[in-house]
Amino acid sequence: MHKVTEYQDPGYTIVGNHLAQHRSLSGLAIGLAAHIQSLPEGAPADIRTLARRFPEGRDRIAAALRELEAYGYLERVRQRTEDGRMVTVTLSYNNPEATRARRAREAAEQAKRRTAVEPPPPARTQAPAPVPTQPPAPAPVGQPPRPAPSPQPSRTPRQPLPAPRQPSSASRRSSSAPRQPSSAPRLPEPTTHAHHTRAAALLANLRHDDPRLLLSVREIRRLAPPVAAWLERGASPEAVRSALTTGLPTALRHPASLFAHRLAEHL
C-alpha cells in the first residue's frame, strides 16, 4: 500500500488509530464514529438524521451506534428540557480510555480531599446524651398516689395503681407528642429519593466504562440503596464510580456481587 498525502485546508478531523484500526468494531461503526466526530457542536446525530445522510437503513445504523456505545465512543443520555420535554442528548468521545483515566484521577483527588476534611463525624456520638432524660419523666407521675393507701395497705395499692398508670400513659403520649421522631425523618425523604434516582442512573451507566458491567434491572434495584447511602454521606458520583470500577479482575463473571462487596466493605 502506498499513501498519497496532500495538504488539506483547515477543514479536517483528527481520528485516533484506536478507532480507525479497532479490531472489534464494524466498518460502518468506525465510519459513523468518524462522521459524528467531524460534525460541529450541537449538530443532530440521531438515527433518523444519519439514515437520511447515508444509504444504510435505520436498522444497520442503529446496530452500529450500539457498537459505539458498547466500546465507549458514544453515549446517549435522556435529559429534560426547560419546557418539560424529554430529549436524547448524544455524547461523542474521541478517546474513551483517556476520558476514563481522567475521571478516575479526578475522583481519586476528590476522595482524598474529602477524607482530609471528614474527621468531625465522631462528634455525632455525643448526640444520644439527651436519651436518659425521657425515661425518668414518667416516674414521678406514678409516685404521688402512693400516700393514699394508709387505711388499707394491702388493698389500696392495688386499686389506685390503674389510676396513676392512665395519666402516666397519657403524660407519656403528651410528652412524646412533641418528640415524635416520625415527623422529623419525613423531611429528608425527597433527598433520599433523589439519591436513589442518581444511584440507579450511575449503576445503569457503568456499562459505558466497561461493557462487562452491564447490570439487570433487578441488580440495579438491589444495589441502588447502598450507592444512595454513599451519596448521602457526601461521596460524589465520580468517587462512587471510581470505587466500583477501579481494579476490576480480568475474569469478571458477576459484577453485581463484586459491587455489593465493595459498597459494604468501603462504606
C-alpha atoms as a PDB file:
ATOM      1  CA  MET A   1       0.000   0.000   0.000  1.00  0.00           C
ATOM      2  CA  HIS A   2       1.263   3.479  -0.878  1.00  0.00           C
ATOM      3  CA  LYS A   3      -0.286   6.617   0.558  1.00  0.00           C
ATOM      4  CA  VAL A   4      -0.548   9.896  -1.361  1.00  0.00           C
ATOM      5  CA  THR A   5      -0.688  12.711   1.190  1.00  0.00           C
ATOM      6  CA  GLU A   6      -1.761  16.182   0.132  1.00  0.00           C
ATOM      7  CA  TYR A   7      -2.026  19.364   2.152  1.00  0.00           C
ATOM      8  CA  GLN A   8      -5.559  19.984   3.416  1.00  0.00           C
ATOM      9  CA  ASP A   9      -7.373  23.194   4.159  1.00  0.00           C
ATOM     10  CA  PRO A  10      -8.337  23.883   7.805  1.00  0.00           C
ATOM     11  CA  GLY A  11     -11.455  21.706   7.452  1.00  0.00           C
ATOM     12  CA  TYR A  12     -10.253  18.323   8.739  1.00  0.00           C
ATOM     13  CA  THR A  13     -10.838  15.951  11.679  1.00  0.00           C
ATOM     14  CA  ILE A  14      -8.231  14.087  13.752  1.00  0.00           C
ATOM     15  CA  VAL A  15      -9.216  10.432  14.279  1.00  0.00           C
ATOM     16  CA  GLY A  16      -7.101   8.210  16.502  1.00  0.00           C
ATOM     17  CA  ASN A  17      -5.782   4.862  15.291  1.00  0.00           C
ATOM     18  CA  HIS A  18      -7.509   3.228  18.273  1.00  0.00           C
ATOM     19  CA  LEU A  19     -10.742   3.957  16.392  1.00  0.00           C
ATOM     20  CA  ALA A  20      -9.654   3.721  12.762  1.00  0.00           C
ATOM     21  CA  GLN A  21      -7.940   0.341  13.382  1.00  0.00           C
ATOM     22  CA  HIS A  22     -10.344  -1.022  16.024  1.00  0.00           C
ATOM     23  CA  ARG A  23     -10.433  -4.810  15.798  1.00  0.00           C
ATOM     24  CA  SER A  24     -13.941  -5.316  17.178  1.00  0.00           C
ATOM     25  CA  LEU A  25     -15.942  -2.508  15.574  1.00  0.00           C
ATOM     26  CA  SER A  26     -17.542  -2.936  12.167  1.00  0.00           C
ATOM     27  CA  GLY A  27     -16.602  -0.714   9.256  1.00  0.00           C
ATOM     28  CA  LEU A  28     -19.963   1.032   9.424  1.00  0.00           C
ATOM     29  CA  ALA A  29     -19.470   1.785  13.123  1.00  0.00           C
ATOM     30  CA  ILE A  30     -15.966   3.190  12.513  1.00  0.00           C
ATOM     31  CA  GLY A  31     -17.257   5.325   9.637  1.00  0.00           C
ATOM     32  CA  LEU A  32     -20.183   6.643  11.689  1.00  0.00           C
ATOM     33  CA  ALA A  33     -17.847   7.490  14.582  1.00  0.00           C
ATOM     34  CA  ALA A  34     -15.549   9.442  12.259  1.00  0.00           C
ATOM     35  CA  HIS A  35     -18.539  11.243  10.719  1.00  0.00           C
ATOM     36  CA  ILE A  36     -20.023  12.142  14.134  1.00  0.00           C
ATOM     37  CA  GLN A  37     -16.658  13.472  15.348  1.00  0.00           C
ATOM     38  CA  SER A  38     -16.449  15.692  12.250  1.00  0.00           C
ATOM     39  CA  LEU A  39     -19.838  17.310  12.961  1.00  0.00           C
ATOM     40  CA  PRO A  40     -19.965  20.742  14.663  1.00  0.00           C
ATOM     41  CA  GLU A  41     -21.076  21.102  18.260  1.00  0.00           C
ATOM     42  CA  GLY A  42     -24.864  20.803  18.604  1.00  0.00           C
ATOM     43  CA  ALA A  43     -25.438  19.084  15.242  1.00  0.00           C
ATOM     44  CA  PRO A  44     -28.107  16.306  15.225  1.00  0.00           C
ATOM     45  CA  ALA A  45     -26.714  12.763  15.296  1.00  0.00           C
ATOM     46  CA  ASP A  46     -29.826  10.638  15.781  1.00  0.00           C
ATOM     47  CA  ILE A  47     -30.717   7.530  13.785  1.00  0.00           C
ATOM     48  CA  ARG A  48     -33.233   9.333  11.549  1.00  0.00           C
ATOM     49  CA  THR A  49     -30.747  12.071  10.597  1.00  0.00           C
ATOM     50  CA  LEU A  50     -27.948   9.587   9.901  1.00  0.00           C
ATOM     51  CA  ALA A  51     -30.296   7.403   7.826  1.00  0.00           C
ATOM     52  CA  ARG A  52     -31.049  10.404   5.614  1.00  0.00           C
ATOM     53  CA  ARG A  53     -27.326  11.089   5.222  1.00  0.00           C
ATOM     54  CA  PHE A  54     -26.111   7.526   4.449  1.00  0.00           C
ATOM     55  CA  PRO A  55     -27.573   4.800   2.202  1.00  0.00           C
ATOM     56  CA  GLU A  56     -27.629   2.205   5.005  1.00  0.00           C
ATOM     57  CA  GLY A  57     -31.034   1.672   6.603  1.00  0.00           C
ATOM     58  CA  ARG A  58     -32.071   2.608  10.120  1.00  0.00           C
ATOM     59  CA  ASP A  59     -31.578  -0.920  11.457  1.00  0.00           C
ATOM     60  CA  ARG A  60     -27.929  -1.111  10.390  1.00  0.00           C
ATOM     61  CA  ILE A  61     -27.221   2.408  11.615  1.00  0.00           C
ATOM     62  CA  ALA A  62     -28.891   1.663  14.974  1.00  0.00           C
ATOM     63  CA  ALA A  63     -26.771  -1.503  15.343  1.00  0.00           C
ATOM     64  CA  ALA A  64     -23.580   0.447  14.552  1.00  0.00           C
ATOM     65  CA  LEU A  65     -24.463   3.098  17.144  1.00  0.00           C
ATOM     66  CA  ARG A  66     -24.966   0.353  19.730  1.00  0.00           C
ATOM     67  CA  GLU A  67     -21.459  -0.936  18.916  1.00  0.00           C
ATOM     68  CA  LEU A  68     -20.014   2.517  19.540  1.00  0.00           C
ATOM     69  CA  GLU A  69     -21.949   2.723  22.795  1.00  0.00           C
ATOM     70  CA  ALA A  70     -20.606  -0.637  23.956  1.00  0.00           C
ATOM     71  CA  TYR A  71     -16.984   0.456  23.421  1.00  0.00           C
ATOM     72  CA  GLY A  72     -17.408   3.931  24.914  1.00  0.00           C
ATOM     73  CA  TYR A  73     -17.195   6.060  21.769  1.00  0.00           C
ATOM     74  CA  LEU A  74     -20.831   7.143  22.090  1.00  0.00           C
ATOM     75  CA  GLU A  75     -23.256   7.827  24.936  1.00  0.00           C
ATOM     76  CA  ARG A  76     -26.931   8.709  24.693  1.00  0.00           C
ATOM     77  CA  VAL A  77     -28.428  10.424  27.741  1.00  0.00           C
ATOM     78  CA  ARG A  78     -32.063  11.317  28.394  1.00  0.00           C
ATOM     79  CA  GLN A  79     -32.496  14.878  29.678  1.00  0.00           C
ATOM     80  CA  ARG A  80     -35.470  17.093  30.491  1.00  0.00           C
ATOM     81  CA  THR A  81     -35.653  20.498  28.799  1.00  0.00           C
ATOM     82  CA  GLU A  82     -36.854  23.699  30.425  1.00  0.00           C
ATOM     83  CA  ASP A  83     -40.334  23.257  28.932  1.00  0.00           C
ATOM     84  CA  GLY A  84     -40.623  19.745  30.421  1.00  0.00           C
ATOM     85  CA  ARG A  85     -39.915  17.678  27.290  1.00  0.00           C
ATOM     86  CA  MET A  86     -37.605  14.646  27.400  1.00  0.00           C
ATOM     87  CA  VAL A  87     -34.872  14.672  24.732  1.00  0.00           C
ATOM     88  CA  THR A  88     -31.941  12.382  23.937  1.00  0.00           C
ATOM     89  CA  VAL A  89     -28.505  14.028  24.004  1.00  0.00           C
ATOM     90  CA  THR A  90     -25.692  12.236  22.132  1.00  0.00           C
ATOM     91  CA  LEU A  91     -22.182  12.483  23.611  1.00  0.00           C
ATOM     92  CA  SER A  92     -19.249  11.596  21.331  1.00  0.00           C
ATOM     93  CA  TYR A  93     -15.885  10.580  22.865  1.00  0.00           C
ATOM     94  CA  ASN A  94     -12.834  10.736  20.600  1.00  0.00           C
ATOM     95  CA  ASN A  95     -10.686   8.846  23.170  1.00  0.00           C
ATOM     96  CA  PRO A  96     -12.753   6.892  25.738  1.00  0.00           C
ATOM     97  CA  GLU A  97      -9.716   5.430  27.525  1.00  0.00           C
ATOM     98  CA  ALA A  98      -8.254   8.889  28.166  1.00  0.00           C
ATOM     99  CA  THR A  99     -11.635  10.151  29.377  1.00  0.00           C
ATOM    100  CA  ARG A 100     -11.997   7.246  31.851  1.00  0.00           C
ATOM    101  CA  ALA A 101      -8.456   7.766  33.152  1.00  0.00           C
ATOM    102  CA  ARG A 102      -9.065  11.486  33.654  1.00  0.00           C
ATOM    103  CA  ARG A 103     -12.331  10.844  35.514  1.00  0.00           C
ATOM    104  CA  ALA A 104     -10.622   8.261  37.730  1.00  0.00           C
ATOM    105  CA  ARG A 105      -7.878  10.758  38.637  1.00  0.00           C
ATOM    106  CA  GLU A 106     -10.433  13.456  39.408  1.00  0.00           C
ATOM    107  CA  ALA A 107     -12.471  11.049  41.548  1.00  0.00           C
ATOM    108  CA  ALA A 108      -9.345   9.982  43.458  1.00  0.00           C
ATOM    109  CA  GLU A 109      -8.394  13.606  44.118  1.00  0.00           C
ATOM    110  CA  GLN A 110     -11.901  14.411  45.339  1.00  0.00           C
ATOM    111  CA  ALA A 111     -11.875  11.366  47.608  1.00  0.00           C
ATOM    112  CA  LYS A 112      -8.540  12.455  49.130  1.00  0.00           C
ATOM    113  CA  ARG A 113      -9.873  15.944  49.751  1.00  0.00           C
ATOM    114  CA  ARG A 114     -13.000  14.590  51.470  1.00  0.00           C
ATOM    115  CA  THR A 115     -11.073  12.169  53.665  1.00  0.00           C
ATOM    116  CA  ALA A 116      -8.878  15.052  54.820  1.00  0.00           C
ATOM    117  CA  VAL A 117     -11.943  17.106  55.814  1.00  0.00           C
ATOM    118  CA  GLU A 118     -14.149  14.338  57.296  1.00  0.00           C
ATOM    119  CA  PRO A 119     -12.684  13.811  60.845  1.00  0.00           C
ATOM    120  CA  PRO A 120     -15.573  15.731  62.604  1.00  0.00           C
ATOM    121  CA  PRO A 121     -18.116  12.807  62.441  1.00  0.00           C
ATOM    122  CA  PRO A 122     -17.114  11.448  65.941  1.00  0.00           C
ATOM    123  CA  ALA A 123     -18.954  14.433  67.449  1.00  0.00           C
ATOM    124  CA  ARG A 124     -22.237  12.792  66.415  1.00  0.00           C
ATOM    125  CA  THR A 125     -21.702  10.051  69.004  1.00  0.00           C
ATOM    126  CA  GLN A 126     -22.429  12.630  71.741  1.00  0.00           C
ATOM    127  CA  ALA A 127     -25.966  13.199  70.445  1.00  0.00           C
ATOM    128  CA  PRO A 128     -27.521  10.248  72.413  1.00  0.00           C
ATOM    129  CA  ALA A 129     -26.862  12.154  75.690  1.00  0.00           C
ATOM    130  CA  PRO A 130     -30.462  13.510  75.956  1.00  0.00           C
ATOM    131  CA  VAL A 131     -31.908   9.969  75.697  1.00  0.00           C
ATOM    132  CA  PRO A 132     -31.803   9.255  79.505  1.00  0.00           C
ATOM    133  CA  THR A 133     -33.988  12.324  80.128  1.00  0.00           C
ATOM    134  CA  GLN A 134     -37.055  10.569  78.612  1.00  0.00           C
ATOM    135  CA  PRO A 135     -37.492   7.539  80.984  1.00  0.00           C
ATOM    136  CA  PRO A 136     -37.194   9.475  84.285  1.00  0.00           C
ATOM    137  CA  ALA A 137     -40.003  11.862  83.232  1.00  0.00           C
ATOM    138  CA  PRO A 138     -42.951   9.470  83.820  1.00  0.00           C
ATOM    139  CA  ALA A 139     -41.513   8.082  87.098  1.00  0.00           C
ATOM    140  CA  PRO A 140     -42.657  10.951  89.391  1.00  0.00           C
ATOM    141  CA  VAL A 141     -46.135  10.852  87.826  1.00  0.00           C
ATOM    142  CA  GLY A 142     -46.897   7.412  89.273  1.00  0.00           C
ATOM    143  CA  GLN A 143     -45.485   8.125  92.770  1.00  0.00           C
ATOM    144  CA  PRO A 144     -47.906  10.781  94.197  1.00  0.00           C
ATOM    145  CA  PRO A 145     -50.929   8.441  94.647  1.00  0.00           C
ATOM    146  CA  ARG A 146     -48.976   6.074  96.993  1.00  0.00           C
ATOM    147  CA  PRO A 147     -49.652   8.033 100.273  1.00  0.00           C
ATOM    148  CA  ALA A 148     -53.426   7.299  99.876  1.00  0.00           C
ATOM    149  CA  PRO A 149     -53.298   3.601 100.985  1.00  0.00           C
ATOM    150  CA  SER A 150     -52.809   4.431 104.695  1.00  0.00           C
ATOM    151  CA  PRO A 151     -56.086   2.771 105.949  1.00  0.00           C
ATOM    152  CA  GLN A 152     -55.662  -0.473 103.959  1.00  0.00           C
ATOM    153  CA  PRO A 153     -52.087  -1.014 102.930  1.00  0.00           C
ATOM    154  CA  SER A 154     -52.785  -4.405 101.346  1.00  0.00           C
ATOM    155  CA  ARG A 155     -55.707  -3.445  99.055  1.00  0.00           C
ATOM    156  CA  THR A 156     -55.278   0.251  98.407  1.00  0.00           C
ATOM    157  CA  PRO A 157     -52.024  -0.085  96.420  1.00  0.00           C
ATOM    158  CA  ARG A 158     -53.765  -2.493  94.048  1.00  0.00           C
ATOM    159  CA  GLN A 159     -56.757  -0.206  93.472  1.00  0.00           C
ATOM    160  CA  PRO A 160     -55.020   3.118  92.808  1.00  0.00           C
ATOM    161  CA  LEU A 161     -52.392   1.517  90.591  1.00  0.00           C
ATOM    162  CA  PRO A 162     -54.573   1.618  87.449  1.00  0.00           C
ATOM    163  CA  ALA A 163     -55.474   5.253  88.117  1.00  0.00           C
ATOM    164  CA  PRO A 164     -51.888   6.592  88.087  1.00  0.00           C
ATOM    165  CA  ARG A 165     -50.987   4.386  85.112  1.00  0.00           C
ATOM    166  CA  GLN A 166     -53.666   6.035  82.983  1.00  0.00           C
ATOM    167  CA  PRO A 167     -52.338   9.564  83.454  1.00  0.00           C
ATOM    168  CA  SER A 168     -48.789   8.246  83.119  1.00  0.00           C
ATOM    169  CA  SER A 169     -49.621   6.769  79.721  1.00  0.00           C
ATOM    170  CA  ALA A 170     -51.437   9.987  78.808  1.00  0.00           C
ATOM    171  CA  SER A 171     -48.492  12.018  80.018  1.00  0.00           C
ATOM    172  CA  ARG A 172     -46.196   9.782  78.033  1.00  0.00           C
ATOM    173  CA  ARG A 173     -48.333  10.343  74.976  1.00  0.00           C
ATOM    174  CA  SER A 174     -48.448  14.084  75.622  1.00  0.00           C
ATOM    175  CA  SER A 175     -44.716  14.201  76.296  1.00  0.00           C
ATOM    176  CA  SER A 176     -43.931  12.020  73.318  1.00  0.00           C
ATOM    177  CA  ALA A 177     -46.248  14.018  71.020  1.00  0.00           C
ATOM    178  CA  PRO A 178     -43.792  16.930  70.546  1.00  0.00           C
ATOM    179  CA  ARG A 179     -40.897  14.476  70.434  1.00  0.00           C
ATOM    180  CA  GLN A 180     -42.300  12.176  67.778  1.00  0.00           C
ATOM    181  CA  PRO A 181     -39.338  11.298  65.591  1.00  0.00           C
ATOM    182  CA  SER A 182     -41.657  10.207  62.791  1.00  0.00           C
ATOM    183  CA  SER A 183     -42.273  13.826  61.694  1.00  0.00           C
ATOM    184  CA  ALA A 184     -38.551  14.686  61.626  1.00  0.00           C
ATOM    185  CA  PRO A 185     -37.272  11.969  59.264  1.00  0.00           C
ATOM    186  CA  ARG A 186     -40.059  12.634  56.789  1.00  0.00           C
ATOM    187  CA  LEU A 187     -38.316  15.829  55.742  1.00  0.00           C
ATOM    188  CA  PRO A 188     -35.265  14.207  54.051  1.00  0.00           C
ATOM    189  CA  GLU A 189     -37.414  11.811  52.035  1.00  0.00           C
ATOM    190  CA  PRO A 190     -37.113  13.913  48.835  1.00  0.00           C
ATOM    191  CA  THR A 191     -33.311  13.938  49.143  1.00  0.00           C
ATOM    192  CA  THR A 192     -33.128  10.195  49.718  1.00  0.00           C
ATOM    193  CA  HIS A 193     -35.393   9.662  46.716  1.00  0.00           C
ATOM    194  CA  ALA A 194     -33.126  11.922  44.668  1.00  0.00           C
ATOM    195  CA  HIS A 195     -30.063   9.997  45.874  1.00  0.00           C
ATOM    196  CA  HIS A 196     -31.790   6.728  44.959  1.00  0.00           C
ATOM    197  CA  THR A 197     -32.536   8.033  41.441  1.00  0.00           C
ATOM    198  CA  ARG A 198     -28.952   9.209  40.971  1.00  0.00           C
ATOM    199  CA  ALA A 199     -27.664   5.881  42.291  1.00  0.00           C
ATOM    200  CA  ALA A 200     -29.777   3.899  39.818  1.00  0.00           C
ATOM    201  CA  ALA A 201     -28.624   6.106  36.928  1.00  0.00           C
ATOM    202  CA  LEU A 202     -24.984   5.726  37.995  1.00  0.00           C
ATOM    203  CA  LEU A 203     -25.260   1.920  38.088  1.00  0.00           C
ATOM    204  CA  ALA A 204     -27.007   1.817  34.716  1.00  0.00           C
ATOM    205  CA  ASN A 205     -24.257   3.910  33.096  1.00  0.00           C
ATOM    206  CA  LEU A 206     -21.360   1.763  34.358  1.00  0.00           C
ATOM    207  CA  ARG A 207     -21.628  -0.269  31.161  1.00  0.00           C
ATOM    208  CA  HIS A 208     -20.163   2.728  29.338  1.00  0.00           C
ATOM    209  CA  ASP A 209     -16.947   2.354  31.351  1.00  0.00           C
ATOM    210  CA  ASP A 210     -16.727  -1.386  30.701  1.00  0.00           C
ATOM    211  CA  PRO A 211     -19.194  -3.487  28.641  1.00  0.00           C
ATOM    212  CA  ARG A 212     -18.848  -6.268  31.227  1.00  0.00           C
ATOM    213  CA  LEU A 213     -20.566  -4.042  33.825  1.00  0.00           C
ATOM    214  CA  LEU A 214     -24.000  -4.368  32.230  1.00  0.00           C
ATOM    215  CA  LEU A 215     -26.492  -4.847  35.116  1.00  0.00           C
ATOM    216  CA  SER A 216     -30.042  -6.090  35.040  1.00  0.00           C
ATOM    217  CA  VAL A 217     -32.962  -4.088  36.428  1.00  0.00           C
ATOM    218  CA  ARG A 218     -33.187  -6.391  39.463  1.00  0.00           C
ATOM    219  CA  GLU A 219     -29.463  -5.952  40.214  1.00  0.00           C
ATOM    220  CA  ILE A 220     -29.737  -2.176  39.889  1.00  0.00           C
ATOM    221  CA  ARG A 221     -32.672  -2.131  42.340  1.00  0.00           C
ATOM    222  CA  ARG A 222     -30.658  -4.228  44.788  1.00  0.00           C
ATOM    223  CA  LEU A 223     -27.514  -2.093  44.558  1.00  0.00           C
ATOM    224  CA  ALA A 224     -29.190   1.329  44.419  1.00  0.00           C
ATOM    225  CA  PRO A 225     -29.771   1.665  48.240  1.00  0.00           C
ATOM    226  CA  PRO A 226     -26.078   1.191  49.228  1.00  0.00           C
ATOM    227  CA  VAL A 227     -24.969   3.536  46.434  1.00  0.00           C
ATOM    228  CA  ALA A 228     -27.530   6.093  47.674  1.00  0.00           C
ATOM    229  CA  ALA A 229     -26.022   5.708  51.171  1.00  0.00           C
ATOM    230  CA  TRP A 230     -22.626   6.689  49.742  1.00  0.00           C
ATOM    231  CA  LEU A 231     -24.152   9.737  48.080  1.00  0.00           C
ATOM    232  CA  GLU A 232     -25.983  10.752  51.268  1.00  0.00           C
ATOM    233  CA  ARG A 233     -22.673  10.663  53.168  1.00  0.00           C
ATOM    234  CA  GLY A 234     -21.139  13.163  50.745  1.00  0.00           C
ATOM    235  CA  ALA A 235     -19.464  10.920  48.179  1.00  0.00           C
ATOM    236  CA  SER A 236     -19.610  12.267  44.629  1.00  0.00           C
ATOM    237  CA  PRO A 237     -20.888  10.106  41.754  1.00  0.00           C
ATOM    238  CA  GLU A 238     -17.376  10.085  40.283  1.00  0.00           C
ATOM    239  CA  ALA A 239     -15.939   8.808  43.577  1.00  0.00           C
ATOM    240  CA  VAL A 240     -18.521   6.003  43.707  1.00  0.00           C
ATOM    241  CA  ARG A 241     -17.888   5.158  40.047  1.00  0.00           C
ATOM    242  CA  SER A 242     -14.115   5.006  40.711  1.00  0.00           C
ATOM    243  CA  ALA A 243     -14.612   2.810  43.798  1.00  0.00           C
ATOM    244  CA  LEU A 244     -16.701   0.355  41.772  1.00  0.00           C
ATOM    245  CA  THR A 245     -14.724   0.233  38.516  1.00  0.00           C
ATOM    246  CA  THR A 246     -11.089   0.649  39.609  1.00  0.00           C
ATOM    247  CA  GLY A 247      -9.011  -2.536  39.708  1.00  0.00           C
ATOM    248  CA  LEU A 248     -11.569  -4.890  38.193  1.00  0.00           C
ATOM    249  CA  PRO A 249     -10.435  -8.532  37.859  1.00  0.00           C
ATOM    250  CA  THR A 250      -9.637  -9.843  34.394  1.00  0.00           C
ATOM    251  CA  ALA A 251     -12.220 -12.634  34.650  1.00  0.00           C
ATOM    252  CA  LEU A 252     -15.334 -10.766  35.781  1.00  0.00           C
ATOM    253  CA  ARG A 253     -18.413 -13.004  35.848  1.00  0.00           C
ATOM    254  CA  HIS A 254     -20.674 -11.465  38.485  1.00  0.00           C
ATOM    255  CA  PRO A 255     -20.181  -7.672  38.611  1.00  0.00           C
ATOM    256  CA  ALA A 256     -23.218  -7.188  40.857  1.00  0.00           C
ATOM    257  CA  SER A 257     -21.709  -9.390  43.603  1.00  0.00           C
ATOM    258  CA  LEU A 258     -18.398  -7.537  43.349  1.00  0.00           C
ATOM    259  CA  PHE A 259     -20.166  -4.167  43.607  1.00  0.00           C
ATOM    260  CA  ALA A 260     -22.189  -5.290  46.633  1.00  0.00           C
ATOM    261  CA  HIS A 261     -18.983  -6.388  48.402  1.00  0.00           C
ATOM    262  CA  ARG A 262     -17.162  -3.135  47.636  1.00  0.00           C
ATOM    263  CA  LEU A 263     -20.092  -0.954  48.677  1.00  0.00           C
ATOM    264  CA  ALA A 264     -20.404  -2.755  52.006  1.00  0.00           C
ATOM    265  CA  GLU A 265     -16.685  -3.009  52.811  1.00  0.00           C
ATOM    266  CA  HIS A 266     -15.611   0.510  51.803  1.00  0.00           C
ATOM    267  CA  LEU A 267     -18.609   2.428  53.186  1.00  0.00           C
END
